[in-house]
Amino acid sequence: MICERYRISVTANYLSQSIKQVSGKNALTFIAGRIATEAKSLIQYTDFEIAEIAYQLNFSDPANFGKFFKKQVGFSPSAFRKRFK
């Protein structure tokens, strides 16, 4: 899930160490948390279809987004929307 629009001129190792130093989390955990936060916001405060949100967040398949979201949040995207909207 790499977006070509955003490139920075640092090595992956440097980025990972910097994120770990600032947040106490490894880079993948930190990024997954940020994506989950954005997903929760889109689900809760917009009327976009879950599949559209998945594509907006650069998931190639809404099913993969659903698995990711449930692992991160503890609810499926649709259950989260019903419960928190």
PDB file of N, CA and C in Angstrom:
ATOM      1  N   MET A   1       0.840  -1.167   0.000  1.00  0.00           N
ATOM      2  CA  MET A   1       0.000   0.000   0.000  1.00  0.00           C
ATOM      3  C   MET A   1       0.892   1.239   0.000  1.00  0.00           C
ATOM      4  N   ILE A   2       1.535   1.484  -1.109  1.00  0.00           N
ATOM      5  CA  ILE A   2       2.421   2.630  -1.225  1.00  0.00           C
ATOM      6  C   ILE A   2       1.786   3.634  -2.173  1.00  0.00           C
ATOM      7  N   CYS A   3       1.761   4.840  -1.745  1.00  0.00           N
ATOM      8  CA  CYS A   3       1.198   5.905  -2.566  1.00  0.00           C
ATOM      9  C   CYS A   3       2.357   6.642  -3.233  1.00  0.00           C
ATOM     10  N   GLU A   4       2.362   6.694  -4.536  1.00  0.00           N
ATOM     11  CA  GLU A   4       3.450   7.323  -5.278  1.00  0.00           C
ATOM     12  C   GLU A   4       3.483   8.832  -5.110  1.00  0.00           C
ATOM     13  N   ARG A   5       2.432   9.452  -4.637  1.00  0.00           N
ATOM     14  CA  ARG A   5       2.397  10.910  -4.488  1.00  0.00           C
ATOM     15  C   ARG A   5       3.339  11.402  -3.411  1.00  0.00           C
ATOM     16  N   TYR A   6       3.590  10.596  -2.424  1.00  0.00           N
ATOM     17  CA  TYR A   6       4.352  11.047  -1.269  1.00  0.00           C
ATOM     18  C   TYR A   6       5.702  10.349  -1.211  1.00  0.00           C
ATOM     19  N   ARG A   7       6.729  11.090  -1.465  1.00  0.00           N
ATOM     20  CA  ARG A   7       8.081  10.550  -1.372  1.00  0.00           C
ATOM     21  C   ARG A   7       8.898  11.485  -0.506  1.00  0.00           C
ATOM     22  N   ILE A   8       9.707  10.895   0.344  1.00  0.00           N
ATOM     23  CA  ILE A   8      10.606  11.694   1.169  1.00  0.00           C
ATOM     24  C   ILE A   8      12.020  11.184   0.942  1.00  0.00           C
ATOM     25  N   SER A   9      12.964  12.017   1.162  1.00  0.00           N
ATOM     26  CA  SER A   9      14.357  11.674   0.860  1.00  0.00           C
ATOM     27  C   SER A   9      15.111  11.188   2.093  1.00  0.00           C
ATOM     28  N   VAL A  10      14.606  10.142   2.707  1.00  0.00           N
ATOM     29  CA  VAL A  10      15.294   9.484   3.819  1.00  0.00           C
ATOM     30  C   VAL A  10      15.183   7.983   3.603  1.00  0.00           C
ATOM     31  N   THR A  11      16.090   7.248   4.208  1.00  0.00           N
ATOM     32  CA  THR A  11      16.024   5.795   4.093  1.00  0.00           C
ATOM     33  C   THR A  11      14.893   5.255   4.967  1.00  0.00           C
ATOM     34  N   ALA A  12      14.441   4.076   4.612  1.00  0.00           N
ATOM     35  CA  ALA A  12      13.392   3.431   5.403  1.00  0.00           C
ATOM     36  C   ALA A  12      13.860   3.209   6.834  1.00  0.00           C
ATOM     37  N   ASN A  13      15.115   2.851   7.005  1.00  0.00           N
ATOM     38  CA  ASN A  13      15.666   2.613   8.340  1.00  0.00           C
ATOM     39  C   ASN A  13      15.651   3.900   9.171  1.00  0.00           C
ATOM     40  N   TYR A  14      16.072   5.004   8.572  1.00  0.00           N
ATOM     41  CA  TYR A  14      16.075   6.281   9.284  1.00  0.00           C
ATOM     42  C   TYR A  14      14.649   6.684   9.672  1.00  0.00           C
ATOM     43  N   LEU A  15      13.726   6.551   8.743  1.00  0.00           N
ATOM     44  CA  LEU A  15      12.333   6.884   9.029  1.00  0.00           C
ATOM     45  C   LEU A  15      11.801   6.024  10.168  1.00  0.00           C
ATOM     46  N   SER A  16      12.071   4.734  10.108  1.00  0.00           N
ATOM     47  CA  SER A  16      11.596   3.825  11.147  1.00  0.00           C
ATOM     48  C   SER A  16      12.176   4.186  12.514  1.00  0.00           C
ATOM     49  N   GLN A  17      13.476   4.475  12.556  1.00  0.00           N
ATOM     50  CA  GLN A  17      14.107   4.849  13.826  1.00  0.00           C
ATOM     51  C   GLN A  17      13.545   6.165  14.356  1.00  0.00           C
ATOM     52  N   SER A  18      13.304   7.112  13.458  1.00  0.00           N
ATOM     53  CA  SER A  18      12.768   8.414  13.878  1.00  0.00           C
ATOM     54  C   SER A  18      11.364   8.272  14.445  1.00  0.00           C
ATOM     55  N   ILE A  19      10.533   7.484  13.785  1.00  0.00           N
ATOM     56  CA  ILE A  19       9.164   7.268  14.268  1.00  0.00           C
ATOM     57  C   ILE A  19       9.195   6.567  15.620  1.00  0.00           C
ATOM     58  N   LYS A  20      10.060   5.563  15.754  1.00  0.00           N
ATOM     59  CA  LYS A  20      10.179   4.832  17.019  1.00  0.00           C
ATOM     60  C   LYS A  20      10.617   5.765  18.140  1.00  0.00           C
ATOM     61  N   GLN A  21      11.537   6.646  17.856  1.00  0.00           N
ATOM     62  CA  GLN A  21      12.049   7.572  18.867  1.00  0.00           C
ATOM     63  C   GLN A  21      10.967   8.546  19.324  1.00  0.00           C
ATOM     64  N   VAL A  22      10.170   9.027  18.395  1.00  0.00           N
ATOM     65  CA  VAL A  22       9.146  10.024  18.724  1.00  0.00           C
ATOM     66  C   VAL A  22       7.899   9.391  19.330  1.00  0.00           C
ATOM     67  N   SER A  23       7.451   8.267  18.769  1.00  0.00           N
ATOM     68  CA  SER A  23       6.165   7.696  19.181  1.00  0.00           C
ATOM     69  C   SER A  23       6.277   6.482  20.102  1.00  0.00           C
ATOM     70  N   GLY A  24       7.439   5.845  20.117  1.00  0.00           N
ATOM     71  CA  GLY A  24       7.586   4.624  20.890  1.00  0.00           C
ATOM     72  C   GLY A  24       7.041   3.401  20.178  1.00  0.00           C
ATOM     73  N   LYS A  25       6.584   3.578  18.940  1.00  0.00           N
ATOM     74  CA  LYS A  25       6.025   2.477  18.153  1.00  0.00           C
ATOM     75  C   LYS A  25       6.887   2.275  16.920  1.00  0.00           C
ATOM     76  N   ASN A  26       6.877   1.033  16.400  1.00  0.00           N
ATOM     77  CA  ASN A  26       7.590   0.851  15.140  1.00  0.00           C
ATOM     78  C   ASN A  26       6.789   1.514  14.020  1.00  0.00           C
ATOM     79  N   ALA A  27       7.430   1.738  12.886  1.00  0.00           N
ATOM     80  CA  ALA A  27       6.819   2.502  11.795  1.00  0.00           C
ATOM     81  C   ALA A  27       5.526   1.862  11.299  1.00  0.00           C
ATOM     82  N   LEU A  28       5.513   0.548  11.124  1.00  0.00           N
ATOM     83  CA  LEU A  28       4.308  -0.104  10.612  1.00  0.00           C
ATOM     84  C   LEU A  28       3.133   0.046  11.572  1.00  0.00           C
ATOM     85  N   THR A  29       3.381  -0.099  12.849  1.00  0.00           N
ATOM     86  CA  THR A  29       2.330   0.062  13.848  1.00  0.00           C
ATOM     87  C   THR A  29       1.817   1.498  13.858  1.00  0.00           C
ATOM     88  N   PHE A  30       2.728   2.445  13.776  1.00  0.00           N
ATOM     89  CA  PHE A  30       2.354   3.863  13.769  1.00  0.00           C
ATOM     90  C   PHE A  30       1.515   4.190  12.539  1.00  0.00           C
ATOM     91  N   ILE A  31       1.960   3.754  11.379  1.00  0.00           N
ATOM     92  CA  ILE A  31       1.236   4.042  10.136  1.00  0.00           C
ATOM     93  C   ILE A  31      -0.128   3.367  10.141  1.00  0.00           C
ATOM     94  N   ALA A  32      -0.189   2.125  10.588  1.00  0.00           N
ATOM     95  CA  ALA A  32      -1.479   1.421  10.663  1.00  0.00           C
ATOM     96  C   ALA A  32      -2.446   2.161  11.573  1.00  0.00           C
ATOM     97  N   GLY A  33      -1.947   2.678  12.680  1.00  0.00           N
ATOM     98  CA  GLY A  33      -2.802   3.447  13.587  1.00  0.00           C
ATOM     99  C   GLY A  33      -3.325   4.717  12.952  1.00  0.00           C
ATOM    100  N   ARG A  34      -2.485   5.409  12.189  1.00  0.00           N
ATOM    101  CA  ARG A  34      -2.911   6.632  11.510  1.00  0.00           C
ATOM    102  C   ARG A  34      -3.962   6.325  10.447  1.00  0.00           C
ATOM    103  N   ILE A  35      -3.764   5.223   9.705  1.00  0.00           N
ATOM    104  CA  ILE A  35      -4.745   4.825   8.695  1.00  0.00           C
ATOM    105  C   ILE A  35      -6.062   4.458   9.369  1.00  0.00           C
ATOM    106  N   ALA A  36      -6.004   3.742  10.473  1.00  0.00           N
ATOM    107  CA  ALA A  36      -7.222   3.359  11.197  1.00  0.00           C
ATOM    108  C   ALA A  36      -7.948   4.595  11.718  1.00  0.00           C
ATOM    109  N   THR A  37      -7.213   5.574  12.202  1.00  0.00           N
ATOM    110  CA  THR A  37      -7.830   6.815  12.686  1.00  0.00           C
ATOM    111  C   THR A  37      -8.555   7.535  11.555  1.00  0.00           C
ATOM    112  N   GLU A  38      -7.915   7.616  10.400  1.00  0.00           N
ATOM    113  CA  GLU A  38      -8.544   8.255   9.241  1.00  0.00           C
ATOM    114  C   GLU A  38      -9.769   7.461   8.795  1.00  0.00           C
ATOM    115  N   ALA A  39      -9.659   6.142   8.784  1.00  0.00           N
ATOM    116  CA  ALA A  39     -10.785   5.292   8.395  1.00  0.00           C
ATOM    117  C   ALA A  39     -11.963   5.483   9.344  1.00  0.00           C
ATOM    118  N   LYS A  40     -11.696   5.517  10.636  1.00  0.00           N
ATOM    119  CA  LYS A  40     -12.779   5.728  11.609  1.00  0.00           C
ATOM    120  C   LYS A  40     -13.470   7.062  11.362  1.00  0.00           C
ATOM    121  N   SER A  41     -12.697   8.086  11.100  1.00  0.00           N
ATOM    122  CA  SER A  41     -13.270   9.404  10.841  1.00  0.00           C
ATOM    123  C   SER A  41     -14.145   9.386   9.587  1.00  0.00           C
ATOM    124  N   LEU A  42     -13.651   8.783   8.521  1.00  0.00           N
ATOM    125  CA  LEU A  42     -14.433   8.719   7.279  1.00  0.00           C
ATOM    126  C   LEU A  42     -15.706   7.903   7.463  1.00  0.00           C
ATOM    127  N   ILE A  43     -15.614   6.813   8.192  1.00  0.00           N
ATOM    128  CA  ILE A  43     -16.790   5.967   8.421  1.00  0.00           C
ATOM    129  C   ILE A  43     -17.812   6.695   9.286  1.00  0.00           C
ATOM    130  N   GLN A  44     -17.329   7.360  10.303  1.00  0.00           N
ATOM    131  CA  GLN A  44     -18.224   7.995  11.266  1.00  0.00           C
ATOM    132  C   GLN A  44     -18.840   9.296  10.748  1.00  0.00           C
ATOM    133  N   TYR A  45     -18.072  10.086  10.010  1.00  0.00           N
ATOM    134  CA  TYR A  45     -18.524  11.442   9.678  1.00  0.00           C
ATOM    135  C   TYR A  45     -18.856  11.675   8.210  1.00  0.00           C
ATOM    136  N   THR A  46     -18.816  10.626   7.382  1.00  0.00           N
ATOM    137  CA  THR A  46     -19.226  10.777   5.994  1.00  0.00           C
ATOM    138  C   THR A  46     -20.246   9.699   5.659  1.00  0.00           C
ATOM    139  N   ASP A  47     -20.860   9.838   4.515  1.00  0.00           N
ATOM    140  CA  ASP A  47     -21.791   8.825   4.025  1.00  0.00           C
ATOM    141  C   ASP A  47     -21.184   7.994   2.901  1.00  0.00           C
ATOM    142  N   PHE A  48     -19.860   8.055   2.744  1.00  0.00           N
ATOM    143  CA  PHE A  48     -19.200   7.250   1.726  1.00  0.00           C
ATOM    144  C   PHE A  48     -19.437   5.772   1.998  1.00  0.00           C
ATOM    145  N   GLU A  49     -19.590   5.014   0.936  1.00  0.00           N
ATOM    146  CA  GLU A  49     -19.666   3.558   1.064  1.00  0.00           C
ATOM    147  C   GLU A  49     -18.344   3.048   1.632  1.00  0.00           C
ATOM    148  N   ILE A  50     -18.399   1.930   2.334  1.00  0.00           N
ATOM    149  CA  ILE A  50     -17.188   1.351   2.916  1.00  0.00           C
ATOM    150  C   ILE A  50     -16.169   1.052   1.817  1.00  0.00           C
ATOM    151  N   ALA A  51     -16.619   0.533   0.693  1.00  0.00           N
ATOM    152  CA  ALA A  51     -15.702   0.230  -0.413  1.00  0.00           C
ATOM    153  C   ALA A  51     -15.012   1.503  -0.909  1.00  0.00           C
ATOM    154  N   GLU A  52     -15.743   2.597  -0.991  1.00  0.00           N
ATOM    155  CA  GLU A  52     -15.149   3.856  -1.440  1.00  0.00           C
ATOM    156  C   GLU A  52     -14.080   4.335  -0.452  1.00  0.00           C
ATOM    157  N   ILE A  53     -14.351   4.180   0.820  1.00  0.00           N
ATOM    158  CA  ILE A  53     -13.363   4.545   1.844  1.00  0.00           C
ATOM    159  C   ILE A  53     -12.121   3.672   1.690  1.00  0.00           C
ATOM    160  N   ALA A  54     -12.322   2.390   1.453  1.00  0.00           N
ATOM    161  CA  ALA A  54     -11.187   1.480   1.257  1.00  0.00           C
ATOM    162  C   ALA A  54     -10.314   1.963   0.104  1.00  0.00           C
ATOM    163  N   TYR A  55     -10.928   2.324  -1.001  1.00  0.00           N
ATOM    164  CA  TYR A  55     -10.157   2.785  -2.158  1.00  0.00           C
ATOM    165  C   TYR A  55      -9.502   4.137  -1.887  1.00  0.00           C
ATOM    166  N   GLN A  56     -10.181   5.022  -1.171  1.00  0.00           N
ATOM    167  CA  GLN A  56      -9.593   6.320  -0.825  1.00  0.00           C
ATOM    168  C   GLN A  56      -8.332   6.144   0.017  1.00  0.00           C
ATOM    169  N   LEU A  57      -8.308   5.106   0.828  1.00  0.00           N
ATOM    170  CA  LEU A  57      -7.157   4.847   1.692  1.00  0.00           C
ATOM    171  C   LEU A  57      -6.137   3.921   1.025  1.00  0.00           C
ATOM    172  N   ASN A  58      -6.289   3.735  -0.279  1.00  0.00           N
ATOM    173  CA  ASN A  58      -5.356   2.974  -1.105  1.00  0.00           C
ATOM    174  C   ASN A  58      -5.331   1.471  -0.843  1.00  0.00           C
ATOM    175  N   PHE A  59      -6.430   0.923  -0.363  1.00  0.00           N
ATOM    176  CA  PHE A  59      -6.549  -0.528  -0.286  1.00  0.00           C
ATOM    177  C   PHE A  59      -7.000  -1.014  -1.653  1.00  0.00           C
ATOM    178  N   SER A  60      -6.420  -2.081  -2.135  1.00  0.00           N
ATOM    179  CA  SER A  60      -6.767  -2.584  -3.463  1.00  0.00           C
ATOM    180  C   SER A  60      -8.078  -3.361  -3.454  1.00  0.00           C
ATOM    181  N   ASP A  61      -8.518  -3.756  -2.266  1.00  0.00           N
ATOM    182  CA  ASP A  61      -9.710  -4.586  -2.153  1.00  0.00           C
ATOM    183  C   ASP A  61     -10.443  -4.231  -0.855  1.00  0.00           C
ATOM    184  N   PRO A  62     -11.744  -3.961  -0.935  1.00  0.00           N
ATOM    185  CA  PRO A  62     -12.497  -3.646   0.290  1.00  0.00           C
ATOM    186  C   PRO A  62     -12.446  -4.762   1.339  1.00  0.00           C
ATOM    187  N   ALA A  63     -12.318  -6.009   0.901  1.00  0.00           N
ATOM    188  CA  ALA A  63     -12.234  -7.112   1.876  1.00  0.00           C
ATOM    189  C   ALA A  63     -10.958  -7.001   2.704  1.00  0.00           C
ATOM    190  N   ASN A  64      -9.861  -6.625   2.066  1.00  0.00           N
ATOM    191  CA  ASN A  64      -8.612  -6.428   2.812  1.00  0.00           C
ATOM    192  C   ASN A  64      -8.741  -5.271   3.787  1.00  0.00           C
ATOM    193  N   PHE A  65      -9.416  -4.227   3.357  1.00  0.00           N
ATOM    194  CA  PHE A  65      -9.665  -3.092   4.254  1.00  0.00           C
ATOM    195  C   PHE A  65     -10.479  -3.553   5.461  1.00  0.00           C
ATOM    196  N   GLY A  66     -11.513  -4.357   5.228  1.00  0.00           N
ATOM    197  CA  GLY A  66     -12.340  -4.854   6.320  1.00  0.00           C
ATOM    198  C   GLY A  66     -11.540  -5.655   7.334  1.00  0.00           C
ATOM    199  N   LYS A  67     -10.646  -6.508   6.853  1.00  0.00           N
ATOM    200  CA  LYS A  67      -9.802  -7.302   7.747  1.00  0.00           C
ATOM    201  C   LYS A  67      -8.855  -6.400   8.538  1.00  0.00           C
ATOM    202  N   PHE A  68      -8.242  -5.451   7.831  1.00  0.00           N
ATOM    203  CA  PHE A  68      -7.340  -4.500   8.482  1.00  0.00           C
ATOM    204  C   PHE A  68      -8.083  -3.714   9.562  1.00  0.00           C
ATOM    205  N   PHE A  69      -9.259  -3.191   9.211  1.00  0.00           N
ATOM    206  CA  PHE A  69     -10.022  -2.354  10.136  1.00  0.00           C
ATOM    207  C   PHE A  69     -10.425  -3.148  11.376  1.00  0.00           C
ATOM    208  N   LYS A  70     -10.915  -4.358  11.169  1.00  0.00           N
ATOM    209  CA  LYS A  70     -11.342  -5.167  12.310  1.00  0.00           C
ATOM    210  C   LYS A  70     -10.161  -5.484  13.227  1.00  0.00           C
ATOM    211  N   LYS A  71      -9.000  -5.756  12.653  1.00  0.00           N
ATOM    212  CA  LYS A  71      -7.816  -6.034  13.464  1.00  0.00           C
ATOM    213  C   LYS A  71      -7.408  -4.802  14.269  1.00  0.00           C
ATOM    214  N   GLN A  72      -7.489  -3.629  13.664  1.00  0.00           N
ATOM    215  CA  GLN A  72      -7.058  -2.396  14.321  1.00  0.00           C
ATOM    216  C   GLN A  72      -8.070  -1.882  15.340  1.00  0.00           C
ATOM    217  N   VAL A  73      -9.353  -1.958  15.009  1.00  0.00           N
ATOM    218  CA  VAL A  73     -10.401  -1.291  15.790  1.00  0.00           C
ATOM    219  C   VAL A  73     -11.225  -2.261  16.641  1.00  0.00           C
ATOM    220  N   GLY A  74     -11.324  -3.508  16.200  1.00  0.00           N
ATOM    221  CA  GLY A  74     -12.106  -4.483  16.953  1.00  0.00           C
ATOM    222  C   GLY A  74     -13.526  -4.652  16.459  1.00  0.00           C
ATOM    223  N   PHE A  75     -13.903  -3.888  15.460  1.00  0.00           N
ATOM    224  CA  PHE A  75     -15.227  -3.967  14.828  1.00  0.00           C
ATOM    225  C   PHE A  75     -15.032  -4.014  13.324  1.00  0.00           C
ATOM    226  N   SER A  76     -15.991  -4.593  12.623  1.00  0.00           N
ATOM    227  CA  SER A  76     -15.975  -4.461  11.171  1.00  0.00           C
ATOM    228  C   SER A  76     -16.325  -3.011  10.839  1.00  0.00           C
ATOM    229  N   PRO A  77     -15.976  -2.522   9.657  1.00  0.00           N
ATOM    230  CA  PRO A  77     -16.324  -1.138   9.305  1.00  0.00           C
ATOM    231  C   PRO A  77     -17.824  -0.856   9.402  1.00  0.00           C
ATOM    232  N   SER A  78     -18.651  -1.784   8.934  1.00  0.00           N
ATOM    233  CA  SER A  78     -20.096  -1.547   8.991  1.00  0.00           C
ATOM    234  C   SER A  78     -20.613  -1.570  10.435  1.00  0.00           C
ATOM    235  N   ALA A  79     -20.086  -2.452  11.269  1.00  0.00           N
ATOM    236  CA  ALA A  79     -20.493  -2.480  12.681  1.00  0.00           C
ATOM    237  C   ALA A  79     -20.053  -1.201  13.392  1.00  0.00           C
ATOM    238  N   PHE A  80     -18.862  -0.719  13.046  1.00  0.00           N
ATOM    239  CA  PHE A  80     -18.382   0.543  13.625  1.00  0.00           C
ATOM    240  C   PHE A  80     -19.306   1.687  13.248  1.00  0.00           C
ATOM    241  N   ARG A  81     -19.708   1.730  11.969  1.00  0.00           N
ATOM    242  CA  ARG A  81     -20.602   2.792  11.516  1.00  0.00           C
ATOM    243  C   ARG A  81     -21.934   2.727  12.260  1.00  0.00           C
ATOM    244  N   LYS A  82     -22.499   1.545  12.389  1.00  0.00           N
ATOM    245  CA  LYS A  82     -23.783   1.413  13.088  1.00  0.00           C
ATOM    246  C   LYS A  82     -23.688   1.817  14.546  1.00  0.00           C
ATOM    247  N   ARG A  83     -22.587   1.462  15.153  1.00  0.00           N
ATOM    248  CA  ARG A  83     -22.436   1.713  16.585  1.00  0.00           C
ATOM    249  C   ARG A  83     -22.086   3.153  16.908  1.00  0.00           C
ATOM    250  N   PHE A  84     -21.282   3.802  16.075  1.00  0.00           N
ATOM    251  CA  PHE A  84     -20.738   5.108  16.430  1.00  0.00           C
ATOM    252  C   PHE A  84     -21.222   6.270  15.585  1.00  0.00           C
ATOM    253  N   LYS A  85     -22.084   6.048  14.631  1.00  0.00           N
ATOM    254  CA  LYS A  85     -22.552   7.168  13.805  1.00  0.00           C
ATOM    255  C   LYS A  85     -23.710   7.876  14.448  1.00  0.00           C
TER     256      LYS A  85
END
